[in-house]
Amino acid sequence: MNADRNANGVTYRLEPDLTVEEFVSVLGRSTLGQRRPVDNLDTIAGMLRGASVILTARVASQLVGVSRAISDFAYCTYLSDLAVDVQYQRQGIGRELMQRTHAAAGLNTTLILLSAPNARSYYPHVGLIQHDSCWTIPPQTAITSSDPNRATDG
């Protein structure tokens, strides 16, 4: 996917080599920086290296939005990060980043994301359907069973 500028002067493009510094900067200018390890640059670098799709939104050369996804390109795409600079929110940049990320990963995949608490009302507005059965395990936490007689493999 080549760079593509929309009518609002925002240029969208795949940027697999996005720098750690730019990524951390836009995270900090969005609300997502509060929930990402922006002080651990090794982790941030690993997040970028492990991404399947990194799509950026720029005004002139300034990074104003980014999406970072992990995908198998066949069944599912996990949109791990969707960040838009607060000064550029409510201009359709987040929606466009989601659409283009999904297209880059394959529209045949299911797009999955975990919402930031303050963004929960945004996603239904752009067509996402809330899923009621998602669980997470925090880092450094073992999987355990409270009932050894209960089947745990679903």
N, C-alpha and C. Protein backbone atom coordinates (compact mmCIF):
# COMPACT_ATOMS: atom_id res chain seq x y z
N MET A 1 0.85 -1.16 0.00
CA MET A 1 0.00 0.00 0.00
C MET A 1 0.90 1.23 0.00
N ASN A 2 0.78 2.05 -1.00
CA ASN A 2 1.56 3.27 -1.09
C ASN A 2 0.94 4.35 -0.23
N ALA A 3 1.68 5.44 -0.06
CA ALA A 3 1.14 6.56 0.69
C ALA A 3 -0.07 7.11 -0.05
N ASP A 4 -1.06 7.54 0.71
CA ASP A 4 -2.30 8.04 0.13
C ASP A 4 -2.78 9.20 0.98
N ARG A 5 -2.94 10.36 0.35
CA ARG A 5 -3.39 11.55 1.07
C ARG A 5 -4.89 11.71 0.88
N ASN A 6 -5.60 11.99 1.98
CA ASN A 6 -7.04 12.20 1.87
C ASN A 6 -7.34 13.68 1.71
N ALA A 7 -8.62 14.01 1.62
CA ALA A 7 -9.04 15.39 1.38
C ALA A 7 -8.65 16.34 2.51
N ASN A 8 -8.45 15.81 3.71
CA ASN A 8 -8.08 16.66 4.85
C ASN A 8 -6.58 16.88 4.96
N GLY A 9 -5.81 16.40 4.00
CA GLY A 9 -4.37 16.58 4.03
C GLY A 9 -3.64 15.59 4.91
N VAL A 10 -4.30 14.51 5.29
CA VAL A 10 -3.67 13.47 6.09
C VAL A 10 -3.14 12.40 5.15
N THR A 11 -1.88 12.04 5.31
CA THR A 11 -1.27 11.00 4.49
C THR A 11 -1.20 9.71 5.31
N TYR A 12 -1.75 8.64 4.73
CA TYR A 12 -1.75 7.32 5.37
C TYR A 12 -0.79 6.43 4.62
N ARG A 13 0.00 5.67 5.37
CA ARG A 13 0.88 4.70 4.69
C ARG A 13 1.35 3.64 5.66
N LEU A 14 1.69 2.50 5.09
CA LEU A 14 2.31 1.43 5.86
C LEU A 14 3.73 1.86 6.20
N GLU A 15 4.11 1.75 7.45
CA GLU A 15 5.46 2.12 7.89
C GLU A 15 6.02 1.05 8.81
N PRO A 16 6.45 -0.07 8.26
CA PRO A 16 6.98 -1.14 9.11
C PRO A 16 8.24 -0.74 9.86
N ASP A 17 8.92 0.31 9.41
CA ASP A 17 10.15 0.75 10.07
C ASP A 17 9.95 2.01 10.91
N LEU A 18 8.74 2.21 11.40
CA LEU A 18 8.47 3.36 12.27
C LEU A 18 9.45 3.33 13.44
N THR A 19 10.00 4.48 13.78
CA THR A 19 10.99 4.51 14.86
C THR A 19 10.32 4.46 16.23
N VAL A 20 11.07 3.95 17.18
CA VAL A 20 10.61 3.91 18.56
C VAL A 20 10.28 5.32 19.04
N GLU A 21 11.13 6.28 18.70
CA GLU A 21 10.94 7.65 19.16
C GLU A 21 9.63 8.25 18.66
N GLU A 22 9.34 8.05 17.37
CA GLU A 22 8.09 8.59 16.83
C GLU A 22 6.88 7.89 17.43
N PHE A 23 6.98 6.57 17.59
CA PHE A 23 5.87 5.81 18.17
C PHE A 23 5.58 6.29 19.59
N VAL A 24 6.62 6.41 20.41
CA VAL A 24 6.45 6.87 21.78
C VAL A 24 5.88 8.29 21.80
N SER A 25 6.33 9.13 20.89
CA SER A 25 5.84 10.50 20.84
C SER A 25 4.34 10.57 20.57
N VAL A 26 3.86 9.83 19.58
CA VAL A 26 2.42 9.88 19.28
C VAL A 26 1.61 9.19 20.38
N LEU A 27 2.16 8.15 20.99
CA LEU A 27 1.46 7.55 22.14
C LEU A 27 1.28 8.58 23.25
N GLY A 28 2.31 9.36 23.49
CA GLY A 28 2.25 10.39 24.52
C GLY A 28 1.28 11.51 24.20
N ARG A 29 1.09 11.79 22.92
CA ARG A 29 0.16 12.85 22.51
C ARG A 29 -1.26 12.34 22.35
N SER A 30 -1.45 11.05 22.57
CA SER A 30 -2.79 10.47 22.55
C SER A 30 -3.11 10.04 23.98
N THR A 31 -4.25 9.44 24.19
CA THR A 31 -4.56 8.94 25.53
C THR A 31 -3.97 7.55 25.76
N LEU A 32 -3.43 6.93 24.71
CA LEU A 32 -2.92 5.56 24.82
C LEU A 32 -1.61 5.48 25.59
N GLY A 33 -0.84 6.55 25.61
CA GLY A 33 0.44 6.54 26.30
C GLY A 33 0.34 6.20 27.77
N GLN A 34 -0.82 6.45 28.37
CA GLN A 34 -1.02 6.14 29.79
C GLN A 34 -1.06 4.64 30.03
N ARG A 35 -1.34 3.85 29.00
CA ARG A 35 -1.49 2.40 29.15
C ARG A 35 -0.45 1.60 28.36
N ARG A 36 0.62 2.23 27.96
CA ARG A 36 1.68 1.54 27.26
C ARG A 36 3.00 1.80 27.98
N PRO A 37 3.96 0.89 27.86
CA PRO A 37 5.23 1.02 28.59
C PRO A 37 6.18 2.01 27.91
N VAL A 38 5.77 3.27 27.82
CA VAL A 38 6.55 4.26 27.07
C VAL A 38 7.91 4.55 27.69
N ASP A 39 8.12 4.17 28.93
CA ASP A 39 9.43 4.37 29.57
C ASP A 39 10.36 3.17 29.37
N ASN A 40 9.85 2.11 28.77
CA ASN A 40 10.65 0.92 28.52
C ASN A 40 10.86 0.78 27.01
N LEU A 41 11.90 1.42 26.50
CA LEU A 41 12.12 1.48 25.06
C LEU A 41 12.43 0.13 24.44
N ASP A 42 13.01 -0.80 25.22
CA ASP A 42 13.24 -2.15 24.69
C ASP A 42 11.91 -2.85 24.42
N THR A 43 10.96 -2.69 25.32
CA THR A 43 9.64 -3.29 25.11
C THR A 43 8.95 -2.64 23.92
N ILE A 44 9.02 -1.33 23.82
CA ILE A 44 8.41 -0.62 22.68
C ILE A 44 9.03 -1.10 21.38
N ALA A 45 10.35 -1.25 21.35
CA ALA A 45 11.03 -1.74 20.14
C ALA A 45 10.54 -3.14 19.78
N GLY A 46 10.37 -3.99 20.78
CA GLY A 46 9.84 -5.33 20.53
C GLY A 46 8.42 -5.30 20.01
N MET A 47 7.61 -4.38 20.53
CA MET A 47 6.23 -4.24 20.05
C MET A 47 6.23 -3.88 18.56
N LEU A 48 7.11 -2.99 18.17
CA LEU A 48 7.17 -2.60 16.76
C LEU A 48 7.71 -3.73 15.89
N ARG A 49 8.75 -4.42 16.37
CA ARG A 49 9.32 -5.54 15.60
C ARG A 49 8.31 -6.66 15.39
N GLY A 50 7.50 -6.92 16.41
CA GLY A 50 6.56 -8.02 16.34
C GLY A 50 5.26 -7.72 15.62
N ALA A 51 5.08 -6.49 15.20
CA ALA A 51 3.82 -6.11 14.54
C ALA A 51 3.75 -6.68 13.13
N SER A 52 2.56 -7.05 12.73
CA SER A 52 2.30 -7.49 11.36
C SER A 52 1.99 -6.32 10.46
N VAL A 53 1.30 -5.32 11.00
CA VAL A 53 0.90 -4.14 10.24
C VAL A 53 1.12 -2.91 11.11
N ILE A 54 1.86 -1.95 10.59
CA ILE A 54 1.99 -0.64 11.23
C ILE A 54 1.58 0.38 10.18
N LEU A 55 0.53 1.11 10.48
CA LEU A 55 -0.01 2.09 9.55
C LEU A 55 0.04 3.45 10.24
N THR A 56 0.49 4.47 9.52
CA THR A 56 0.62 5.79 10.11
C THR A 56 -0.28 6.80 9.42
N ALA A 57 -0.58 7.85 10.14
CA ALA A 57 -1.29 9.02 9.62
C ALA A 57 -0.39 10.22 9.90
N ARG A 58 -0.09 10.98 8.85
CA ARG A 58 0.78 12.14 9.00
C ARG A 58 0.13 13.37 8.39
N VAL A 59 0.36 14.51 9.02
CA VAL A 59 0.00 15.80 8.45
C VAL A 59 1.33 16.47 8.19
N ALA A 60 1.59 16.76 6.91
CA ALA A 60 2.94 17.14 6.47
C ALA A 60 3.83 15.97 6.88
N SER A 61 4.86 16.20 7.66
CA SER A 61 5.70 15.07 8.07
C SER A 61 5.42 14.66 9.52
N GLN A 62 4.53 15.37 10.21
CA GLN A 62 4.26 15.08 11.62
C GLN A 62 3.36 13.86 11.77
N LEU A 63 3.81 12.91 12.57
CA LEU A 63 3.02 11.73 12.88
C LEU A 63 1.89 12.14 13.82
N VAL A 64 0.63 11.95 13.36
CA VAL A 64 -0.52 12.33 14.18
C VAL A 64 -1.37 11.12 14.57
N GLY A 65 -1.08 9.96 13.98
CA GLY A 65 -1.83 8.76 14.31
C GLY A 65 -1.09 7.51 13.89
N VAL A 66 -1.37 6.41 14.59
CA VAL A 66 -0.74 5.14 14.26
C VAL A 66 -1.66 3.99 14.66
N SER A 67 -1.63 2.95 13.88
CA SER A 67 -2.26 1.69 14.29
C SER A 67 -1.20 0.61 14.18
N ARG A 68 -1.22 -0.31 15.15
CA ARG A 68 -0.26 -1.41 15.18
C ARG A 68 -1.07 -2.68 15.41
N ALA A 69 -0.93 -3.63 14.47
CA ALA A 69 -1.75 -4.85 14.54
C ALA A 69 -0.89 -6.09 14.39
N ILE A 70 -1.41 -7.18 14.94
CA ILE A 70 -0.81 -8.50 14.80
C ILE A 70 -1.85 -9.36 14.08
N SER A 71 -1.42 -10.03 13.01
CA SER A 71 -2.39 -10.77 12.20
C SER A 71 -1.79 -12.06 11.67
N ASP A 72 -2.67 -13.05 11.43
CA ASP A 72 -2.26 -14.24 10.69
C ASP A 72 -2.65 -14.09 9.22
N PHE A 73 -3.28 -12.98 8.87
CA PHE A 73 -3.68 -12.63 7.50
C PHE A 73 -4.66 -13.62 6.90
N ALA A 74 -5.27 -14.46 7.72
CA ALA A 74 -6.23 -15.45 7.23
C ALA A 74 -7.52 -15.45 8.04
N TYR A 75 -7.40 -15.34 9.36
CA TYR A 75 -8.56 -15.49 10.22
C TYR A 75 -8.79 -14.30 11.15
N CYS A 76 -7.73 -13.83 11.81
CA CYS A 76 -7.94 -12.74 12.76
C CYS A 76 -6.81 -11.72 12.73
N THR A 77 -7.18 -10.50 13.07
CA THR A 77 -6.25 -9.39 13.18
C THR A 77 -6.52 -8.70 14.51
N TYR A 78 -5.52 -8.65 15.36
CA TYR A 78 -5.65 -8.00 16.66
C TYR A 78 -5.07 -6.60 16.55
N LEU A 79 -5.92 -5.61 16.64
CA LEU A 79 -5.49 -4.22 16.59
C LEU A 79 -5.06 -3.82 18.00
N SER A 80 -3.77 -3.94 18.24
CA SER A 80 -3.24 -3.76 19.58
C SER A 80 -3.16 -2.29 19.98
N ASP A 81 -2.80 -1.43 19.04
CA ASP A 81 -2.65 -0.01 19.34
C ASP A 81 -3.35 0.82 18.27
N LEU A 82 -4.17 1.74 18.72
CA LEU A 82 -4.78 2.75 17.85
C LEU A 82 -4.64 4.07 18.59
N ALA A 83 -3.75 4.91 18.12
CA ALA A 83 -3.45 6.16 18.81
C ALA A 83 -3.57 7.33 17.85
N VAL A 84 -4.29 8.35 18.26
CA VAL A 84 -4.40 9.58 17.48
C VAL A 84 -4.11 10.74 18.43
N ASP A 85 -3.21 11.60 18.01
CA ASP A 85 -2.87 12.82 18.75
C ASP A 85 -4.18 13.52 19.14
N VAL A 86 -4.31 13.91 20.41
CA VAL A 86 -5.57 14.51 20.87
C VAL A 86 -5.94 15.76 20.07
N GLN A 87 -4.98 16.48 19.54
CA GLN A 87 -5.28 17.67 18.74
C GLN A 87 -5.87 17.32 17.38
N TYR A 88 -5.78 16.05 16.97
CA TYR A 88 -6.29 15.62 15.67
C TYR A 88 -7.46 14.65 15.79
N GLN A 89 -7.94 14.43 17.00
CA GLN A 89 -9.07 13.52 17.17
C GLN A 89 -10.36 14.16 16.66
N ARG A 90 -11.35 13.32 16.40
CA ARG A 90 -12.67 13.73 15.89
C ARG A 90 -12.60 14.28 14.47
N GLN A 91 -11.61 13.78 13.71
CA GLN A 91 -11.49 14.15 12.30
C GLN A 91 -11.54 12.93 11.40
N GLY A 92 -11.87 11.77 11.97
CA GLY A 92 -11.98 10.54 11.18
C GLY A 92 -10.67 9.79 11.00
N ILE A 93 -9.61 10.24 11.65
CA ILE A 93 -8.30 9.60 11.48
C ILE A 93 -8.30 8.20 12.09
N GLY A 94 -8.86 8.04 13.28
CA GLY A 94 -8.92 6.72 13.91
C GLY A 94 -9.70 5.73 13.06
N ARG A 95 -10.85 6.16 12.57
CA ARG A 95 -11.68 5.30 11.72
C ARG A 95 -10.91 4.90 10.45
N GLU A 96 -10.24 5.86 9.85
CA GLU A 96 -9.48 5.57 8.62
C GLU A 96 -8.31 4.63 8.91
N LEU A 97 -7.63 4.82 10.03
CA LEU A 97 -6.55 3.91 10.40
C LEU A 97 -7.08 2.49 10.59
N MET A 98 -8.23 2.35 11.24
CA MET A 98 -8.82 1.01 11.42
C MET A 98 -9.18 0.39 10.08
N GLN A 99 -9.84 1.16 9.21
CA GLN A 99 -10.24 0.62 7.90
C GLN A 99 -9.03 0.17 7.10
N ARG A 100 -8.02 1.00 7.06
CA ARG A 100 -6.83 0.69 6.26
C ARG A 100 -6.02 -0.45 6.87
N THR A 101 -5.97 -0.53 8.19
CA THR A 101 -5.28 -1.63 8.84
C THR A 101 -5.99 -2.94 8.54
N HIS A 102 -7.30 -2.94 8.63
CA HIS A 102 -8.08 -4.14 8.33
C HIS A 102 -7.87 -4.55 6.87
N ALA A 103 -7.87 -3.59 5.97
CA ALA A 103 -7.65 -3.90 4.55
C ALA A 103 -6.25 -4.47 4.33
N ALA A 104 -5.24 -3.91 5.01
CA ALA A 104 -3.87 -4.40 4.84
C ALA A 104 -3.71 -5.82 5.36
N ALA A 105 -4.43 -6.15 6.42
CA ALA A 105 -4.35 -7.49 7.00
C ALA A 105 -5.26 -8.48 6.29
N GLY A 106 -6.23 -7.97 5.57
CA GLY A 106 -7.17 -8.81 4.84
C GLY A 106 -8.57 -8.65 5.40
N LEU A 107 -9.48 -8.20 4.56
CA LEU A 107 -10.85 -8.00 5.02
C LEU A 107 -11.54 -9.30 5.37
N ASN A 108 -10.92 -10.43 5.01
CA ASN A 108 -11.47 -11.74 5.39
C ASN A 108 -11.16 -12.07 6.85
N THR A 109 -10.35 -11.26 7.51
CA THR A 109 -10.04 -11.50 8.92
C THR A 109 -11.03 -10.77 9.82
N THR A 110 -11.19 -11.27 11.02
CA THR A 110 -11.97 -10.58 12.04
C THR A 110 -11.05 -9.60 12.75
N LEU A 111 -11.44 -8.35 12.82
CA LEU A 111 -10.67 -7.33 13.51
C LEU A 111 -11.07 -7.34 14.99
N ILE A 112 -10.07 -7.47 15.86
CA ILE A 112 -10.29 -7.59 17.30
C ILE A 112 -9.50 -6.48 18.00
N LEU A 113 -10.11 -5.83 18.99
CA LEU A 113 -9.36 -4.87 19.80
C LEU A 113 -9.93 -4.82 21.20
N LEU A 114 -9.10 -4.40 22.13
CA LEU A 114 -9.53 -4.13 23.50
C LEU A 114 -9.58 -2.62 23.64
N SER A 115 -10.69 -2.10 24.06
CA SER A 115 -10.89 -0.65 24.13
C SER A 115 -10.28 -0.05 25.38
N ALA A 116 -9.74 1.14 25.21
CA ALA A 116 -9.39 1.95 26.38
C ALA A 116 -10.70 2.34 27.06
N PRO A 117 -10.70 2.47 28.38
CA PRO A 117 -11.95 2.78 29.08
C PRO A 117 -12.70 3.99 28.52
N ASN A 118 -11.99 5.05 28.20
CA ASN A 118 -12.65 6.26 27.71
C ASN A 118 -13.08 6.18 26.25
N ALA A 119 -12.69 5.12 25.55
CA ALA A 119 -13.03 5.00 24.13
C ALA A 119 -14.15 3.99 23.88
N ARG A 120 -14.69 3.41 24.92
CA ARG A 120 -15.70 2.36 24.75
C ARG A 120 -16.89 2.82 23.91
N SER A 121 -17.31 4.05 24.04
CA SER A 121 -18.47 4.52 23.28
C SER A 121 -18.13 4.82 21.82
N TYR A 122 -16.86 4.95 21.50
CA TYR A 122 -16.45 5.28 20.13
C TYR A 122 -16.63 4.11 19.17
N TYR A 123 -16.25 2.93 19.57
CA TYR A 123 -16.19 1.80 18.64
C TYR A 123 -17.54 1.37 18.08
N PRO A 124 -18.61 1.33 18.85
CA PRO A 124 -19.91 1.02 18.22
C PRO A 124 -20.29 2.06 17.17
N HIS A 125 -19.89 3.30 17.39
CA HIS A 125 -20.19 4.40 16.47
C HIS A 125 -19.58 4.16 15.08
N VAL A 126 -18.46 3.46 15.03
CA VAL A 126 -17.81 3.20 13.73
C VAL A 126 -18.04 1.78 13.24
N GLY A 127 -18.96 1.05 13.89
CA GLY A 127 -19.38 -0.24 13.35
C GLY A 127 -18.83 -1.48 14.03
N LEU A 128 -18.04 -1.33 15.09
CA LEU A 128 -17.55 -2.52 15.78
C LEU A 128 -18.64 -3.08 16.69
N ILE A 129 -18.63 -4.37 16.87
CA ILE A 129 -19.61 -5.07 17.69
C ILE A 129 -18.93 -5.50 18.98
N GLN A 130 -19.55 -5.17 20.12
CA GLN A 130 -18.95 -5.53 21.40
C GLN A 130 -19.04 -7.03 21.62
N HIS A 131 -17.95 -7.60 22.09
CA HIS A 131 -17.87 -9.03 22.40
C HIS A 131 -17.85 -9.16 23.92
N ASP A 132 -18.67 -10.04 24.46
CA ASP A 132 -18.79 -10.09 25.92
C ASP A 132 -17.96 -11.18 26.59
N SER A 133 -17.13 -11.87 25.85
CA SER A 133 -16.37 -12.95 26.49
C SER A 133 -14.89 -12.89 26.13
N CYS A 134 -14.25 -11.88 26.67
CA CYS A 134 -12.81 -11.73 26.48
C CYS A 134 -12.16 -11.75 27.86
N TRP A 135 -11.06 -12.46 27.97
CA TRP A 135 -10.31 -12.53 29.21
C TRP A 135 -8.86 -12.22 28.92
N THR A 136 -8.16 -11.73 29.93
CA THR A 136 -6.74 -11.45 29.79
C THR A 136 -5.98 -12.03 30.98
N ILE A 137 -4.70 -12.22 30.80
CA ILE A 137 -3.80 -12.62 31.87
C ILE A 137 -2.73 -11.53 31.94
N PRO A 138 -2.58 -10.87 33.08
CA PRO A 138 -1.55 -9.84 33.20
C PRO A 138 -0.15 -10.42 33.01
N PRO A 139 0.81 -9.58 32.64
CA PRO A 139 2.19 -10.06 32.50
C PRO A 139 2.68 -10.72 33.79
N GLN A 140 3.52 -11.71 33.64
CA GLN A 140 4.15 -12.42 34.76
C GLN A 140 3.16 -13.14 35.65
N THR A 141 2.00 -13.50 35.12
CA THR A 141 0.97 -14.19 35.89
C THR A 141 0.78 -15.58 35.31
N ALA A 142 0.82 -16.58 36.16
CA ALA A 142 0.65 -17.97 35.71
C ALA A 142 -0.82 -18.29 35.50
N ILE A 143 -1.08 -19.19 34.59
CA ILE A 143 -2.43 -19.71 34.41
C ILE A 143 -2.64 -20.77 35.48
N THR A 144 -3.72 -20.64 36.22
CA THR A 144 -4.00 -21.56 37.31
C THR A 144 -5.41 -22.11 37.17
N SER A 145 -5.71 -23.10 37.95
CA SER A 145 -7.06 -23.65 38.00
C SER A 145 -7.51 -23.67 39.44
N SER A 146 -8.66 -23.07 39.69
CA SER A 146 -9.17 -23.09 41.06
C SER A 146 -9.86 -24.41 41.38
N ASP A 147 -10.22 -25.17 40.35
CA ASP A 147 -10.90 -26.45 40.54
C ASP A 147 -10.19 -27.49 39.67
N PRO A 148 -9.35 -28.36 40.25
CA PRO A 148 -8.59 -29.32 39.45
C PRO A 148 -9.46 -30.33 38.72
N ASN A 149 -10.72 -30.50 39.11
CA ASN A 149 -11.61 -31.45 38.44
C ASN A 149 -12.35 -30.83 37.26
N ARG A 150 -12.22 -29.53 37.10
CA ARG A 150 -12.93 -28.83 36.04
C ARG A 150 -12.08 -28.79 34.77
N ALA A 151 -12.68 -29.07 33.65
CA ALA A 151 -11.97 -28.98 32.37
C ALA A 151 -11.60 -27.53 32.13
N THR A 152 -10.36 -27.30 31.67
CA THR A 152 -9.90 -25.93 31.48
C THR A 152 -9.49 -25.64 30.05
N ASP A 153 -9.66 -26.59 29.15
CA ASP A 153 -9.18 -26.35 27.78
C ASP A 153 -10.30 -25.99 26.82
N GLY A 154 -11.42 -25.53 27.32
CA GLY A 154 -12.50 -24.98 26.52
C GLY A 154 -13.26 -25.96 25.75
